[in-house]
Amino acid sequence: MAISYKRLWKLLIDKDMKKRDLEKTAGISHYTVNKLNRGENVTTDVLAKICLALNCTMDDIMEVVSDDEKS
C-alpha cells in the first residue's frame, strides 16, 4: 500500500500554482515538496498545512493506492 499525491499536483495545476508557490503559501520546505514529489511519507502536520493553504481536504490532495495500482 502506498500514498499517491497526484491529486495535489492536479490541484496545483487547476489553481495555476507552481511547487515553489506551494512552499511559500503553505510554509513548507523545498525538501518536503521533493518528498511529496517522490511519493514518500510526510507528517500529517505537513498535509494539514497544505490543506489550509489550498482550502481543501486531505482527500483532495492524496489517495491510498494498492501496490498493484502503483506499477
PDB file of N, CA and C in Angstrom:
ATOM      1  N   MET A   1       0.837  -1.177   0.000  1.00  0.00           N
ATOM      2  CA  MET A   1       0.000   0.000   0.000  1.00  0.00           C
ATOM      3  C   MET A   1       0.887   1.247   0.000  1.00  0.00           C
ATOM      4  N   ALA A   2       0.492   2.250  -0.779  1.00  0.00           N
ATOM      5  CA  ALA A   2       1.282   3.470  -0.898  1.00  0.00           C
ATOM      6  C   ALA A   2       0.355   4.677  -0.980  1.00  0.00           C
ATOM      7  N   ILE A   3       0.941   5.842  -0.825  1.00  0.00           N
ATOM      8  CA  ILE A   3       0.197   7.095  -0.933  1.00  0.00           C
ATOM      9  C   ILE A   3       0.564   7.761  -2.251  1.00  0.00           C
ATOM     10  N   SER A   4      -0.448   8.240  -2.964  1.00  0.00           N
ATOM     11  CA  SER A   4      -0.224   8.976  -4.210  1.00  0.00           C
ATOM     12  C   SER A   4      -0.641  10.429  -3.991  1.00  0.00           C
ATOM     13  N   TYR A   5       0.207  11.346  -4.424  1.00  0.00           N
ATOM     14  CA  TYR A   5      -0.086  12.775  -4.315  1.00  0.00           C
ATOM     15  C   TYR A   5      -0.427  13.381  -5.670  1.00  0.00           C
ATOM     16  N   LYS A   6      -0.852  12.549  -6.629  1.00  0.00           N
ATOM     17  CA  LYS A   6      -1.214  13.041  -7.958  1.00  0.00           C
ATOM     18  C   LYS A   6      -2.324  14.078  -7.880  1.00  0.00           C
ATOM     19  N   ARG A   7      -3.230  13.895  -6.925  1.00  0.00           N
ATOM     20  CA  ARG A   7      -4.328  14.850  -6.771  1.00  0.00           C
ATOM     21  C   ARG A   7      -3.793  16.229  -6.391  1.00  0.00           C
ATOM     22  N   LEU A   8      -2.745  16.269  -5.593  1.00  0.00           N
ATOM     23  CA  LEU A   8      -2.139  17.548  -5.209  1.00  0.00           C
ATOM     24  C   LEU A   8      -1.582  18.253  -6.429  1.00  0.00           C
ATOM     25  N   TRP A   9      -0.860  17.533  -7.262  1.00  0.00           N
ATOM     26  CA  TRP A   9      -0.254  18.147  -8.447  1.00  0.00           C
ATOM     27  C   TRP A   9      -1.322  18.639  -9.412  1.00  0.00           C
ATOM     28  N   LYS A  10      -2.419  17.885  -9.543  1.00  0.00           N
ATOM     29  CA  LYS A  10      -3.526  18.323 -10.402  1.00  0.00           C
ATOM     30  C   LYS A  10      -4.179  19.573  -9.829  1.00  0.00           C
ATOM     31  N   LEU A  11      -4.320  19.615  -8.499  1.00  0.00           N
ATOM     32  CA  LEU A  11      -4.922  20.775  -7.849  1.00  0.00           C
ATOM     33  C   LEU A  11      -4.057  22.021  -8.053  1.00  0.00           C
ATOM     34  N   LEU A  12      -2.751  21.861  -7.973  1.00  0.00           N
ATOM     35  CA  LEU A  12      -1.851  22.988  -8.213  1.00  0.00           C
ATOM     36  C   LEU A  12      -2.002  23.505  -9.646  1.00  0.00           C
ATOM     37  N   ILE A  13      -2.132  22.597 -10.596  1.00  0.00           N
ATOM     38  CA  ILE A  13      -2.341  22.998 -11.993  1.00  0.00           C
ATOM     39  C   ILE A  13      -3.649  23.764 -12.121  1.00  0.00           C
ATOM     40  N   ASP A  14      -4.714  23.251 -11.502  1.00  0.00           N
ATOM     41  CA  ASP A  14      -6.017  23.910 -11.570  1.00  0.00           C
ATOM     42  C   ASP A  14      -5.967  25.311 -10.958  1.00  0.00           C
ATOM     43  N   LYS A  15      -5.161  25.485  -9.918  1.00  0.00           N
ATOM     44  CA  LYS A  15      -5.045  26.781  -9.243  1.00  0.00           C
ATOM     45  C   LYS A  15      -3.934  27.646  -9.856  1.00  0.00           C
ATOM     46  N   ASP A  16      -3.337  27.161 -10.931  1.00  0.00           N
ATOM     47  CA  ASP A  16      -2.257  27.856 -11.623  1.00  0.00           C
ATOM     48  C   ASP A  16      -1.124  28.208 -10.651  1.00  0.00           C
ATOM     49  N   MET A  17      -0.730  27.221  -9.859  1.00  0.00           N
ATOM     50  CA  MET A  17       0.349  27.391  -8.882  1.00  0.00           C
ATOM     51  C   MET A  17       1.511  26.484  -9.231  1.00  0.00           C
ATOM     52  N   LYS A  18       2.685  26.934  -8.887  1.00  0.00           N
ATOM     53  CA  LYS A  18       3.889  26.115  -9.030  1.00  0.00           C
ATOM     54  C   LYS A  18       4.246  25.543  -7.662  1.00  0.00           C
ATOM     55  N   LYS A  19       5.135  24.565  -7.667  1.00  0.00           N
ATOM     56  CA  LYS A  19       5.549  23.950  -6.403  1.00  0.00           C
ATOM     57  C   LYS A  19       6.183  24.979  -5.474  1.00  0.00           C
ATOM     58  N   ARG A  20       6.897  25.921  -6.047  1.00  0.00           N
ATOM     59  CA  ARG A  20       7.514  26.990  -5.239  1.00  0.00           C
ATOM     60  C   ARG A  20       6.435  27.843  -4.564  1.00  0.00           C
ATOM     61  N   ASP A  21       5.319  28.087  -5.280  1.00  0.00           N
ATOM     62  CA  ASP A  21       4.204  28.839  -4.691  1.00  0.00           C
ATOM     63  C   ASP A  21       3.613  28.069  -3.515  1.00  0.00           C
ATOM     64  N   LEU A  22       3.522  26.752  -3.665  1.00  0.00           N
ATOM     65  CA  LEU A  22       3.016  25.912  -2.579  1.00  0.00           C
ATOM     66  C   LEU A  22       3.920  26.011  -1.362  1.00  0.00           C
ATOM     67  N   GLU A  23       5.223  25.968  -1.586  1.00  0.00           N
ATOM     68  CA  GLU A  23       6.183  26.083  -0.480  1.00  0.00           C
ATOM     69  C   GLU A  23       5.943  27.357   0.317  1.00  0.00           C
ATOM     70  N   LYS A  24       5.804  28.471  -0.385  1.00  0.00           N
ATOM     71  CA  LYS A  24       5.626  29.767   0.271  1.00  0.00           C
ATOM     72  C   LYS A  24       4.270  29.862   0.950  1.00  0.00           C
ATOM     73  N   THR A  25       3.221  29.470   0.254  1.00  0.00           N
ATOM     74  CA  THR A  25       1.865  29.596   0.776  1.00  0.00           C
ATOM     75  C   THR A  25       1.629  28.708   1.987  1.00  0.00           C
ATOM     76  N   ALA A  26       2.118  27.474   1.912  1.00  0.00           N
ATOM     77  CA  ALA A  26       1.888  26.515   2.995  1.00  0.00           C
ATOM     78  C   ALA A  26       2.960  26.581   4.081  1.00  0.00           C
ATOM     79  N   GLY A  27       4.064  27.266   3.797  1.00  0.00           N
ATOM     80  CA  GLY A  27       5.143  27.345   4.781  1.00  0.00           C
ATOM     81  C   GLY A  27       5.859  26.023   4.972  1.00  0.00           C
ATOM     82  N   ILE A  28       6.086  25.333   3.854  1.00  0.00           N
ATOM     83  CA  ILE A  28       6.796  24.056   3.912  1.00  0.00           C
ATOM     84  C   ILE A  28       8.103  24.178   3.126  1.00  0.00           C
ATOM     85  N   SER A  29       9.026  23.292   3.404  1.00  0.00           N
ATOM     86  CA  SER A  29      10.348  23.375   2.789  1.00  0.00           C
ATOM     87  C   SER A  29      10.376  22.741   1.394  1.00  0.00           C
ATOM     88  N   HIS A  30      11.406  23.102   0.659  1.00  0.00           N
ATOM     89  CA  HIS A  30      11.643  22.513  -0.664  1.00  0.00           C
ATOM     90  C   HIS A  30      11.876  21.007  -0.523  1.00  0.00           C
ATOM     91  N   TYR A  31      12.568  20.619   0.526  1.00  0.00           N
ATOM     92  CA  TYR A  31      12.828  19.202   0.805  1.00  0.00           C
ATOM     93  C   TYR A  31      11.513  18.431   0.963  1.00  0.00           C
ATOM     94  N   THR A  32      10.556  19.030   1.667  1.00  0.00           N
ATOM     95  CA  THR A  32       9.259  18.379   1.875  1.00  0.00           C
ATOM     96  C   THR A  32       8.516  18.217   0.555  1.00  0.00           C
ATOM     97  N   VAL A  33       8.552  19.230  -0.285  1.00  0.00           N
ATOM     98  CA  VAL A  33       7.895  19.150  -1.593  1.00  0.00           C
ATOM     99  C   VAL A  33       8.554  18.055  -2.431  1.00  0.00           C
ATOM    100  N   ASN A  34       9.863  17.925  -2.342  1.00  0.00           N
ATOM    101  CA  ASN A  34      10.551  16.841  -3.052  1.00  0.00           C
ATOM    102  C   ASN A  34      10.103  15.477  -2.545  1.00  0.00           C
ATOM    103  N   LYS A  35       9.916  15.350  -1.232  1.00  0.00           N
ATOM    104  CA  LYS A  35       9.424  14.088  -0.680  1.00  0.00           C
ATOM    105  C   LYS A  35       8.034  13.773  -1.227  1.00  0.00           C
ATOM    106  N   LEU A  36       7.182  14.778  -1.295  1.00  0.00           N
ATOM    107  CA  LEU A  36       5.843  14.586  -1.857  1.00  0.00           C
ATOM    108  C   LEU A  36       5.941  14.173  -3.317  1.00  0.00           C
ATOM    109  N   ASN A  37       6.825  14.806  -4.038  1.00  0.00           N
ATOM    110  CA  ASN A  37       7.001  14.513  -5.465  1.00  0.00           C
ATOM    111  C   ASN A  37       7.441  13.066  -5.691  1.00  0.00           C
ATOM    112  N   ARG A  38       8.224  12.534  -4.762  1.00  0.00           N
ATOM    113  CA  ARG A  38       8.682  11.143  -4.861  1.00  0.00           C
ATOM    114  C   ARG A  38       7.702  10.154  -4.235  1.00  0.00           C
ATOM    115  N   GLY A  39       6.592  10.647  -3.677  1.00  0.00           N
ATOM    116  CA  GLY A  39       5.596   9.771  -3.078  1.00  0.00           C
ATOM    117  C   GLY A  39       6.028   9.218  -1.730  1.00  0.00           C
ATOM    118  N   GLU A  40       6.947   9.905  -1.070  1.00  0.00           N
ATOM    119  CA  GLU A  40       7.421   9.453   0.245  1.00  0.00           C
ATOM    120  C   GLU A  40       6.487   9.945   1.345  1.00  0.00           C
ATOM    121  N   ASN A  41       6.668   9.378   2.530  1.00  0.00           N
ATOM    122  CA  ASN A  41       5.829   9.749   3.668  1.00  0.00           C
ATOM    123  C   ASN A  41       6.188  11.130   4.190  1.00  0.00           C
ATOM    124  N   VAL A  42       5.151  11.889   4.539  1.00  0.00           N
ATOM    125  CA  VAL A  42       5.318  13.168   5.221  1.00  0.00           C
ATOM    126  C   VAL A  42       4.367  13.171   6.410  1.00  0.00           C
ATOM    127  N   THR A  43       4.572  14.089   7.339  1.00  0.00           N
ATOM    128  CA  THR A  43       3.732  14.110   8.537  1.00  0.00           C
ATOM    129  C   THR A  43       2.346  14.660   8.220  1.00  0.00           C
ATOM    130  N   THR A  44       1.413  14.358   9.100  1.00  0.00           N
ATOM    131  CA  THR A  44       0.066  14.903   8.939  1.00  0.00           C
ATOM    132  C   THR A  44       0.073  16.415   9.143  1.00  0.00           C
ATOM    133  N   ASP A  45       1.027  16.927   9.913  1.00  0.00           N
ATOM    134  CA  ASP A  45       1.152  18.381  10.074  1.00  0.00           C
ATOM    135  C   ASP A  45       1.414  19.045   8.727  1.00  0.00           C
ATOM    136  N   VAL A  46       2.264  18.459   7.927  1.00  0.00           N
ATOM    137  CA  VAL A  46       2.565  18.997   6.601  1.00  0.00           C
ATOM    138  C   VAL A  46       1.320  18.951   5.730  1.00  0.00           C
ATOM    139  N   LEU A  47       0.623  17.833   5.748  1.00  0.00           N
ATOM    140  CA  LEU A  47      -0.591  17.705   4.943  1.00  0.00           C
ATOM    141  C   LEU A  47      -1.642  18.719   5.387  1.00  0.00           C
ATOM    142  N   ALA A  48      -1.747  18.950   6.694  1.00  0.00           N
ATOM    143  CA  ALA A  48      -2.702  19.929   7.210  1.00  0.00           C
ATOM    144  C   ALA A  48      -2.329  21.335   6.751  1.00  0.00           C
ATOM    145  N   LYS A  49      -1.048  21.677   6.750  1.00  0.00           N
ATOM    146  CA  LYS A  49      -0.606  22.995   6.271  1.00  0.00           C
ATOM    147  C   LYS A  49      -0.981  23.192   4.807  1.00  0.00           C
ATOM    148  N   ILE A  50      -0.793  22.146   4.014  1.00  0.00           N
ATOM    149  CA  ILE A  50      -1.131  22.224   2.587  1.00  0.00           C
ATOM    150  C   ILE A  50      -2.634  22.421   2.417  1.00  0.00           C
ATOM    151  N   CYS A  51      -3.416  21.663   3.171  1.00  0.00           N
ATOM    152  CA  CYS A  51      -4.875  21.770   3.073  1.00  0.00           C
ATOM    153  C   CYS A  51      -5.357  23.164   3.480  1.00  0.00           C
ATOM    154  N   LEU A  52      -4.792  23.708   4.536  1.00  0.00           N
ATOM    155  CA  LEU A  52      -5.171  25.056   4.959  1.00  0.00           C
ATOM    156  C   LEU A  52      -4.788  26.088   3.897  1.00  0.00           C
ATOM    157  N   ALA A  53      -3.602  25.938   3.323  1.00  0.00           N
ATOM    158  CA  ALA A  53      -3.132  26.885   2.319  1.00  0.00           C
ATOM    159  C   ALA A  53      -3.964  26.828   1.042  1.00  0.00           C
ATOM    160  N   LEU A  54      -4.405  25.642   0.665  1.00  0.00           N
ATOM    161  CA  LEU A  54      -5.147  25.469  -0.583  1.00  0.00           C
ATOM    162  C   LEU A  54      -6.662  25.426  -0.377  1.00  0.00           C
ATOM    163  N   ASN A  55      -7.079  25.532   0.900  1.00  0.00           N
ATOM    164  CA  ASN A  55      -8.500  25.489   1.236  1.00  0.00           C
ATOM    165  C   ASN A  55      -9.159  24.223   0.680  1.00  0.00           C
ATOM    166  N   CYS A  56      -8.594  23.074   1.068  1.00  0.00           N
ATOM    167  CA  CYS A  56      -9.096  21.799   0.579  1.00  0.00           C
ATOM    168  C   CYS A  56      -9.021  20.762   1.702  1.00  0.00           C
ATOM    169  N   THR A  57      -9.424  19.539   1.396  1.00  0.00           N
ATOM    170  CA  THR A  57      -9.341  18.453   2.367  1.00  0.00           C
ATOM    171  C   THR A  57      -8.222  17.494   1.948  1.00  0.00           C
ATOM    172  N   MET A  58      -7.886  16.578   2.838  1.00  0.00           N
ATOM    173  CA  MET A  58      -6.825  15.613   2.521  1.00  0.00           C
ATOM    174  C   MET A  58      -7.202  14.726   1.338  1.00  0.00           C
ATOM    175  N   ASP A  59      -8.489  14.450   1.188  1.00  0.00           N
ATOM    176  CA  ASP A  59      -8.941  13.659   0.037  1.00  0.00           C
ATOM    177  C   ASP A  59      -8.664  14.377  -1.281  1.00  0.00           C
ATOM    178  N   ASP A  60      -8.575  15.697  -1.232  1.00  0.00           N
ATOM    179  CA  ASP A  60      -8.317  16.473  -2.446  1.00  0.00           C
ATOM    180  C   ASP A  60      -6.857  16.425  -2.878  1.00  0.00           C
ATOM    181  N   ILE A  61      -5.950  16.044  -1.966  1.00  0.00           N
ATOM    182  CA  ILE A  61      -4.522  16.098  -2.302  1.00  0.00           C
ATOM    183  C   ILE A  61      -3.828  14.738  -2.302  1.00  0.00           C
ATOM    184  N   MET A  62      -4.477  13.717  -1.778  1.00  0.00           N
ATOM    185  CA  MET A  62      -3.815  12.415  -1.718  1.00  0.00           C
ATOM    186  C   MET A  62      -4.816  11.279  -1.785  1.00  0.00           C
ATOM    187  N   GLU A  63      -4.294  10.095  -2.099  1.00  0.00           N
ATOM    188  CA  GLU A  63      -5.114   8.887  -2.070  1.00  0.00           C
ATOM    189  C   GLU A  63      -4.228   7.691  -1.770  1.00  0.00           C
ATOM    190  N   VAL A  64      -4.839   6.692  -1.166  1.00  0.00           N
ATOM    191  CA  VAL A  64      -4.134   5.446  -0.874  1.00  0.00           C
ATOM    192  C   VAL A  64      -4.323   4.522  -2.071  1.00  0.00           C
ATOM    193  N   VAL A  65      -3.224   3.990  -2.574  1.00  0.00           N
ATOM    194  CA  VAL A  65      -3.296   3.076  -3.712  1.00  0.00           C
ATOM    195  C   VAL A  65      -2.635   1.755  -3.326  1.00  0.00           C
ATOM    196  N   SER A  66      -3.166   0.706  -3.878  1.00  0.00           N
ATOM    197  CA  SER A  66      -2.563  -0.604  -3.619  1.00  0.00           C
ATOM    198  C   SER A  66      -1.278  -0.738  -4.413  1.00  0.00           C
ATOM    199  N   ASP A  67      -0.437  -1.665  -4.034  1.00  0.00           N
ATOM    200  CA  ASP A  67       0.831  -1.870  -4.749  1.00  0.00           C
ATOM    201  C   ASP A  67       0.587  -2.263  -6.201  1.00  0.00           C
ATOM    202  N   ASP A  68      -0.546  -2.929  -6.473  1.00  0.00           N
ATOM    203  CA  ASP A  68      -0.860  -3.341  -7.837  1.00  0.00           C
ATOM    204  C   ASP A  68      -1.121  -2.125  -8.721  1.00  0.00           C
ATOM    205  N   GLU A  69      -1.813  -1.101  -8.178  1.00  0.00           N
ATOM    206  CA  GLU A  69      -2.130   0.092  -8.942  1.00  0.00           C
ATOM    207  C   GLU A  69      -0.914   0.969  -9.166  1.00  0.00           C
ATOM    208  N   LYS A  70       0.040   0.921  -8.254  1.00  0.00           N
ATOM    209  CA  LYS A  70       1.223   1.767  -8.305  1.00  0.00           C
ATOM    210  C   LYS A  70       2.098   1.456  -9.516  1.00  0.00           C
ATOM    211  N   SER A  71       2.156   0.218  -9.924  1.00  0.00           N
ATOM    212  CA  SER A  71       3.037  -0.195 -11.026  1.00  0.00           C
ATOM    213  C   SER A  71       2.618   0.320 -12.349  1.00  0.00           C
TER     214      SER A  71
END
